[in-house]
Amino acid sequence: MGNSSYIEIRNYRDSRIGEVSRDHFRLNNLHDEIMKQVIDLAVCRTKEKYGSPPCSFSFFVMGSAGRSEQSIWSDQDHGIIYQELTPEAQAYFLELGMEITAGLYQTGYDYCEGGVMSINPMWCKSMFEWQQQLTNWILDSSFESIRYLLIFIDGRSIYGGNENIEKLKSIVYQTVHKEHLISKVLGNTLYLKKGVNILGNLLVETHGPYAGSFNLKEAGFFPYVNAVRLLAIKANVTGTSTLSRLEQLNEAGLSSIEKDIYKTLFLRLLNYRLLYGNHTDYKSGHYLPIQILSKEQNKELKSIIKNGAAFFRLVRRLIEKDD
């Protein structure tokens, strides 16, 4: 398809989304395809205005996009790494970041409320500045700095090659281990929304626009995502998706049977979101109206949620024991 405008890309997205909306892997492949089309067009438009890029660069996505765990709707989480440390390069790539951010918004991706986008100088830097910033975050090791590190660790390059982000991740992992900061990383993820009450019932939202619905993002996905990310950091695993990280984990205190179980449970959770979620917009996609579930589905979902919480407790014990 031609990609001469963001509207055309949006129309292409809308024409394809229905056929992939019940298949997690095909859906995330489509998201990648759409984002790459946007970047290609943004690069062309920036060249027309400001000339060719002054140096090589790569564009990476984070959050659910970085983990290839997007639902039907998604927001933006992305950054740019460029090679030259010059004011001209900074100005150029911030302009490119603005063009990409605007293009993604026009094609259906909400702005990140926390500003984790390449329009923000914090997430658009030279390789040298990225190395400095990541080292500062690690050495500062405040709750906010560790949160930024965790966001970055889920990064995945989708334009310009993987070399830059892989090199930066290796620096992060080496420094975290050298400074014995894995417990600090654990501390950043300790709060998890409870999903099942003492009576064994799913805890739904009690007020607001999603009253009566279950918060899949916080009570469902976070325990699995956070637990596996912790194990990945501990084991220097470079994959970003929860499923691929589980695949790559070798000596992490988990048997191959346990890994297969958690992969199956997590994939079931992804399918529950796609098949039964309310996908009117980005935020609604995080909630599941449980009244539409059958008795058997409700029982299975509770089991997935309880196993996720138990999994996170297991990983917490493994981290604390080895720290």
Protein backbone atom coordinates (compact mmCIF):
# COMPACT_ATOMS: atom_id res chain seq x y z
CA MET A 1 0.00 0.00 0.00
CA GLY A 2 1.11 3.59 -0.58
CA ASN A 3 1.82 5.61 2.53
CA SER A 4 1.58 9.16 1.23
CA SER A 5 -0.44 10.40 4.23
CA TYR A 6 -1.19 9.47 7.83
CA ILE A 7 -4.87 9.35 6.95
CA GLU A 8 -4.14 6.62 4.40
CA ILE A 9 -2.22 4.67 7.04
CA ARG A 10 -5.11 5.12 9.48
CA ASN A 11 -7.57 3.86 6.87
CA TYR A 12 -5.33 0.86 6.23
CA ARG A 13 -5.22 0.16 9.98
CA ASP A 14 -9.00 0.38 10.25
CA SER A 15 -9.46 -1.95 7.29
CA ARG A 16 -7.15 -4.61 8.74
CA ILE A 17 -7.79 -4.47 12.49
CA GLY A 18 -10.98 -6.53 12.40
CA GLU A 19 -9.39 -9.56 10.78
CA VAL A 20 -6.54 -9.72 13.35
CA SER A 21 -8.42 -8.58 16.46
CA ARG A 22 -8.88 -12.10 17.82
CA ASP A 23 -5.27 -13.22 17.35
CA HIS A 24 -2.70 -11.71 19.70
CA PHE A 25 0.33 -12.35 17.48
CA ARG A 26 -1.23 -11.17 14.20
CA LEU A 27 -2.55 -8.07 15.99
CA ASN A 28 0.87 -7.10 17.30
CA ASN A 29 2.45 -7.73 13.91
CA LEU A 30 -0.10 -5.29 12.44
CA HIS A 31 0.78 -2.69 15.10
CA ASP A 32 4.45 -3.02 14.13
CA GLU A 33 3.58 -2.67 10.45
CA ILE A 34 1.51 0.48 11.09
CA MET A 35 4.18 2.09 13.28
CA LYS A 36 6.90 1.38 10.70
CA GLN A 37 4.78 2.97 7.97
CA VAL A 38 4.34 6.04 10.17
CA ILE A 39 8.09 6.27 10.82
CA ASP A 40 8.92 5.90 7.11
CA LEU A 41 6.54 8.73 6.25
CA ALA A 42 7.77 10.89 9.14
CA VAL A 43 11.40 10.41 8.05
CA CYS A 44 10.45 11.45 4.47
CA ARG A 45 8.59 14.53 5.66
CA THR A 46 11.42 15.58 7.99
CA LYS A 47 13.93 15.16 5.13
CA GLU A 48 11.80 17.41 2.94
CA LYS A 49 11.80 20.13 5.61
CA TYR A 50 15.28 19.84 7.14
CA GLY A 51 17.37 17.64 4.86
CA SER A 52 18.78 14.19 5.54
CA PRO A 53 19.45 13.07 9.12
CA PRO A 54 22.85 14.38 10.31
CA CYS A 55 23.81 10.92 11.57
CA SER A 56 22.49 7.39 11.99
CA PHE A 57 19.75 6.77 14.53
CA SER A 58 17.33 4.17 15.81
CA PHE A 59 13.74 4.46 16.99
CA PHE A 60 12.47 2.18 19.74
CA VAL A 61 9.14 1.46 21.39
CA MET A 62 8.51 0.68 25.06
CA GLY A 63 5.57 -0.32 27.25
CA SER A 64 3.13 -2.82 25.76
CA ALA A 65 4.50 -2.06 22.27
CA GLY A 66 8.03 -2.85 23.42
CA ARG A 67 6.79 -6.13 24.89
CA SER A 68 4.63 -6.90 21.80
CA GLU A 69 1.63 -7.05 24.13
CA GLN A 70 -0.62 -4.36 22.67
CA SER A 71 -4.36 -4.71 22.60
CA ILE A 72 -6.61 -3.38 19.82
CA TRP A 73 -6.00 0.20 20.96
CA SER A 74 -2.66 1.37 22.31
CA ASP A 75 -0.92 4.52 23.43
CA GLN A 76 2.56 5.77 22.55
CA ASP A 77 5.78 4.93 24.40
CA HIS A 78 8.91 5.51 22.33
CA GLY A 79 12.35 7.08 22.08
CA ILE A 80 15.20 7.90 19.69
CA ILE A 81 18.93 7.13 19.98
CA TYR A 82 21.23 9.02 17.59
CA GLN A 83 25.00 8.89 17.21
CA GLU A 84 26.34 12.45 17.11
CA LEU A 85 26.45 14.66 20.20
CA THR A 86 25.76 18.03 18.53
CA PRO A 87 23.12 20.75 18.91
CA GLU A 88 22.23 20.24 15.24
CA ALA A 89 21.56 16.54 15.76
CA GLN A 90 19.48 17.22 18.86
CA ALA A 91 17.34 19.80 17.04
CA TYR A 92 16.90 17.52 14.02
CA PHE A 93 15.84 14.43 15.94
CA LEU A 94 13.48 16.32 18.22
CA GLU A 95 11.77 17.57 15.05
CA LEU A 96 11.63 13.99 13.77
CA GLY A 97 10.25 12.90 17.14
CA MET A 98 7.51 15.52 16.87
CA GLU A 99 6.62 14.34 13.37
CA ILE A 100 6.48 10.67 14.41
CA THR A 101 4.46 11.45 17.54
CA ALA A 102 1.92 13.48 15.55
CA GLY A 103 1.74 10.77 12.89
CA LEU A 104 1.14 8.01 15.41
CA TYR A 105 -1.62 10.06 17.02
CA GLN A 106 -3.31 10.57 13.65
CA THR A 107 -3.16 6.83 12.96
CA GLY A 108 -4.88 5.92 16.24
CA TYR A 109 -2.26 5.83 19.00
CA ASP A 110 -3.02 8.03 22.02
CA TYR A 111 -0.32 10.30 23.44
CA CYS A 112 1.45 8.90 26.49
CA GLU A 113 0.10 10.72 29.54
CA GLY A 114 3.52 10.44 31.21
CA GLY A 115 5.32 12.01 28.25
CA VAL A 116 7.37 8.90 27.38
CA MET A 117 7.71 9.89 23.74
CA SER A 118 10.52 11.00 21.44
CA ILE A 119 9.03 14.50 21.42
CA ASN A 120 10.47 14.72 24.97
CA PRO A 121 14.25 15.42 25.24
CA MET A 122 14.44 12.86 28.06
CA TRP A 123 13.62 10.13 25.54
CA CYS A 124 15.42 11.58 22.50
CA LYS A 125 19.19 11.64 23.05
CA SER A 126 22.58 10.89 21.58
CA MET A 127 24.19 7.54 22.41
CA PHE A 128 26.60 9.26 24.80
CA GLU A 129 23.78 11.13 26.57
CA TRP A 130 21.74 7.94 26.84
CA GLN A 131 24.67 6.22 28.53
CA GLN A 132 24.96 9.10 30.98
CA GLN A 133 21.23 9.24 31.69
CA LEU A 134 20.91 5.50 32.28
CA THR A 135 23.94 5.48 34.58
CA ASN A 136 22.51 8.44 36.51
CA TRP A 137 19.16 6.67 36.90
CA ILE A 138 20.91 3.58 38.24
CA LEU A 139 23.15 5.44 40.67
CA ASP A 140 20.32 7.69 41.84
CA SER A 141 18.15 4.56 42.30
CA SER A 142 15.18 6.58 43.53
CA PHE A 143 11.72 5.15 42.97
CA GLU A 144 11.21 7.41 39.93
CA SER A 145 14.64 6.65 38.43
CA ILE A 146 14.10 2.90 38.75
CA ARG A 147 10.66 3.31 37.16
CA TYR A 148 12.28 4.99 34.16
CA LEU A 149 14.82 2.15 33.95
CA LEU A 150 12.07 -0.47 33.94
CA ILE A 151 10.30 1.41 31.15
CA PHE A 152 13.53 1.52 29.15
CA ILE A 153 14.32 -2.17 29.70
CA ASP A 154 11.11 -3.06 27.84
CA GLY A 155 12.41 -1.12 24.83
CA ARG A 156 12.57 -2.74 21.38
CA SER A 157 14.00 -1.10 18.28
CA ILE A 158 11.69 -1.07 15.25
CA TYR A 159 13.69 1.28 13.00
CA GLY A 160 17.42 1.70 12.46
CA GLY A 161 18.62 -1.61 13.89
CA ASN A 162 18.96 -3.16 17.35
CA GLU A 163 22.61 -2.39 18.06
CA ASN A 164 22.07 0.88 19.97
CA ILE A 165 19.43 -0.29 22.39
CA GLU A 166 21.09 -3.68 22.96
CA LYS A 167 24.34 -1.95 23.87
CA LEU A 168 22.53 0.38 26.28
CA LYS A 169 20.63 -2.49 27.89
CA SER A 170 23.87 -4.39 28.47
CA ILE A 171 25.23 -1.33 30.30
CA VAL A 172 22.09 -1.22 32.45
CA TYR A 173 22.26 -4.92 33.33
CA GLN A 174 25.98 -4.81 34.13
CA THR A 175 25.61 -1.77 36.36
CA VAL A 176 22.51 -3.11 38.15
CA HIS A 177 24.41 -6.29 39.03
CA LYS A 178 27.62 -4.44 39.92
CA GLU A 179 25.77 -2.07 42.26
CA HIS A 180 23.54 -4.87 43.66
CA LEU A 181 20.38 -2.97 42.78
CA ILE A 182 18.06 -5.86 41.97
CA SER A 183 16.32 -5.42 45.34
CA LYS A 184 15.71 -1.75 44.48
CA VAL A 185 14.17 -2.86 41.20
CA LEU A 186 12.01 -5.33 43.12
CA GLY A 187 10.91 -2.59 45.52
CA ASN A 188 9.61 -0.55 42.59
CA THR A 189 7.19 -3.31 41.59
CA LEU A 190 6.01 -4.50 45.00
CA TYR A 191 2.59 -2.84 44.92
CA LEU A 192 0.16 -4.95 42.95
CA LYS A 193 -3.57 -4.45 42.70
CA LYS A 194 -5.41 -7.32 44.37
CA GLY A 195 -7.51 -9.30 41.92
CA VAL A 196 -9.33 -11.88 44.06
CA ASN A 197 -10.88 -11.31 47.51
CA ILE A 198 -10.84 -13.66 50.51
CA LEU A 199 -14.11 -15.21 49.34
CA GLY A 200 -12.48 -16.16 46.05
CA ASN A 201 -14.37 -13.62 43.93
CA LEU A 202 -12.89 -11.32 41.30
CA LEU A 203 -12.51 -7.77 42.63
CA VAL A 204 -14.18 -5.41 40.16
CA GLU A 205 -14.12 -1.62 40.01
CA THR A 206 -16.73 -0.21 42.40
CA HIS A 207 -17.18 3.25 40.87
CA GLY A 208 -16.37 5.34 37.83
CA PRO A 209 -16.89 4.55 34.15
CA TYR A 210 -15.67 0.96 34.55
CA ALA A 211 -17.71 0.00 37.61
CA GLY A 212 -18.45 -3.71 37.54
CA SER A 213 -15.47 -4.45 35.29
CA PHE A 214 -12.21 -6.15 36.21
CA ASN A 215 -8.92 -4.24 35.83
CA LEU A 216 -7.00 -6.67 33.62
CA LYS A 217 -3.97 -4.41 33.26
CA GLU A 218 -3.14 -3.90 36.93
CA ALA A 219 -4.57 -7.03 38.57
CA GLY A 220 -4.06 -9.41 35.65
CA PHE A 221 -1.03 -8.52 33.54
CA PHE A 222 1.22 -6.64 35.95
CA PRO A 223 2.02 -9.62 38.24
CA TYR A 224 3.19 -11.71 35.27
CA VAL A 225 4.94 -8.86 33.43
CA ASN A 226 6.75 -7.57 36.53
CA ALA A 227 7.78 -11.03 37.76
CA VAL A 228 9.20 -12.09 34.41
CA ARG A 229 10.97 -8.75 33.89
CA LEU A 230 12.68 -9.16 37.28
CA LEU A 231 13.86 -12.65 36.32
CA ALA A 232 15.03 -11.33 32.94
CA ILE A 233 17.14 -8.62 34.60
CA LYS A 234 18.55 -11.17 37.05
CA ALA A 235 19.47 -13.54 34.22
CA ASN A 236 20.60 -10.87 31.67
CA VAL A 237 17.86 -11.88 29.23
CA THR A 238 17.55 -9.39 26.37
CA GLY A 239 14.09 -10.34 25.06
CA THR A 240 11.27 -7.92 25.74
CA SER A 241 7.99 -9.82 25.49
CA THR A 242 6.88 -11.71 28.59
CA LEU A 243 6.54 -14.91 26.53
CA SER A 244 9.99 -14.61 24.91
CA ARG A 245 11.59 -13.76 28.25
CA LEU A 246 10.11 -16.91 29.78
CA GLU A 247 11.43 -18.85 26.79
CA GLN A 248 14.95 -17.47 27.28
CA LEU A 249 15.15 -17.96 31.04
CA ASN A 250 17.46 -20.85 31.83
CA GLU A 251 18.79 -20.74 35.36
CA ALA A 252 16.16 -18.60 37.06
CA GLY A 253 14.80 -20.87 39.76
CA LEU A 254 11.99 -22.05 37.48
CA SER A 255 11.65 -25.52 36.01
CA SER A 256 10.79 -25.96 32.34
CA ILE A 257 7.37 -27.24 33.43
CA GLU A 258 6.76 -24.09 35.50
CA LYS A 259 7.82 -21.87 32.60
CA ASP A 260 5.43 -23.68 30.26
CA ILE A 261 2.61 -23.27 32.77
CA TYR A 262 3.20 -19.52 33.15
CA LYS A 263 3.48 -19.06 29.38
CA THR A 264 0.15 -20.84 28.92
CA LEU A 265 -1.54 -18.79 31.65
CA PHE A 266 -0.22 -15.49 30.29
CA LEU A 267 -1.31 -16.32 26.76
CA ARG A 268 -4.78 -17.21 28.07
CA LEU A 269 -4.88 -13.82 29.79
CA LEU A 270 -3.97 -12.07 26.53
CA ASN A 271 -6.77 -13.96 24.80
CA TYR A 272 -9.33 -13.05 27.48
CA ARG A 273 -8.53 -9.37 26.88
CA LEU A 274 -8.95 -9.69 23.12
CA LEU A 275 -12.03 -11.88 23.11
CA TYR A 276 -14.03 -10.38 25.98
CA GLY A 277 -12.60 -6.93 26.61
CA ASN A 278 -14.39 -3.67 25.92
CA HIS A 279 -12.36 -2.12 23.10
CA THR A 280 -14.08 1.19 22.46
CA ASP A 281 -10.85 3.11 23.17
CA TYR A 282 -7.39 2.72 24.74
CA LYS A 283 -8.42 2.96 28.41
CA SER A 284 -11.49 0.75 28.09
CA GLY A 285 -9.26 -2.00 26.70
CA HIS A 286 -7.77 -2.48 30.18
CA TYR A 287 -11.11 -3.56 31.65
CA LEU A 288 -13.09 -6.75 31.34
CA PRO A 289 -16.88 -6.72 31.96
CA ILE A 290 -17.06 -9.99 33.90
CA GLN A 291 -20.85 -10.29 33.65
CA ILE A 292 -20.43 -11.51 30.08
CA LEU A 293 -18.27 -14.46 31.19
CA SER A 294 -19.70 -17.92 31.68
CA LYS A 295 -19.30 -19.67 35.04
CA GLU A 296 -16.42 -21.73 33.64
CA GLN A 297 -14.69 -18.67 32.18
CA ASN A 298 -15.04 -16.79 35.46
CA LYS A 299 -13.47 -19.75 37.25
CA GLU A 300 -10.60 -19.96 34.76
CA LEU A 301 -9.91 -16.22 34.94
CA LYS A 302 -9.78 -16.38 38.75
CA SER A 303 -7.28 -19.22 38.49
CA ILE A 304 -5.10 -17.20 36.09
CA ILE A 305 -5.21 -14.17 38.41
CA LYS A 306 -4.41 -16.19 41.54
CA ASN A 307 -1.55 -17.97 39.80
CA GLY A 308 -0.13 -14.62 38.66
CA ALA A 309 -0.12 -13.29 42.23
CA ALA A 310 1.50 -16.52 43.48
CA PHE A 311 4.08 -16.32 40.68
CA PHE A 312 5.05 -12.80 41.68
CA ARG A 313 5.43 -13.89 45.33
CA LEU A 314 7.67 -16.75 44.20
CA VAL A 315 9.89 -14.41 42.19
CA ARG A 316 10.02 -11.98 45.10
CA ARG A 317 11.32 -14.75 47.37
CA LEU A 318 13.90 -15.79 44.75
CA ILE A 319 15.17 -12.20 44.41
CA GLU A 320 15.28 -11.58 48.16
CA LYS A 321 17.04 -14.90 48.81
CA ASP A 322 19.80 -14.19 46.29
CA ASP A 323 20.28 -10.49 47.03
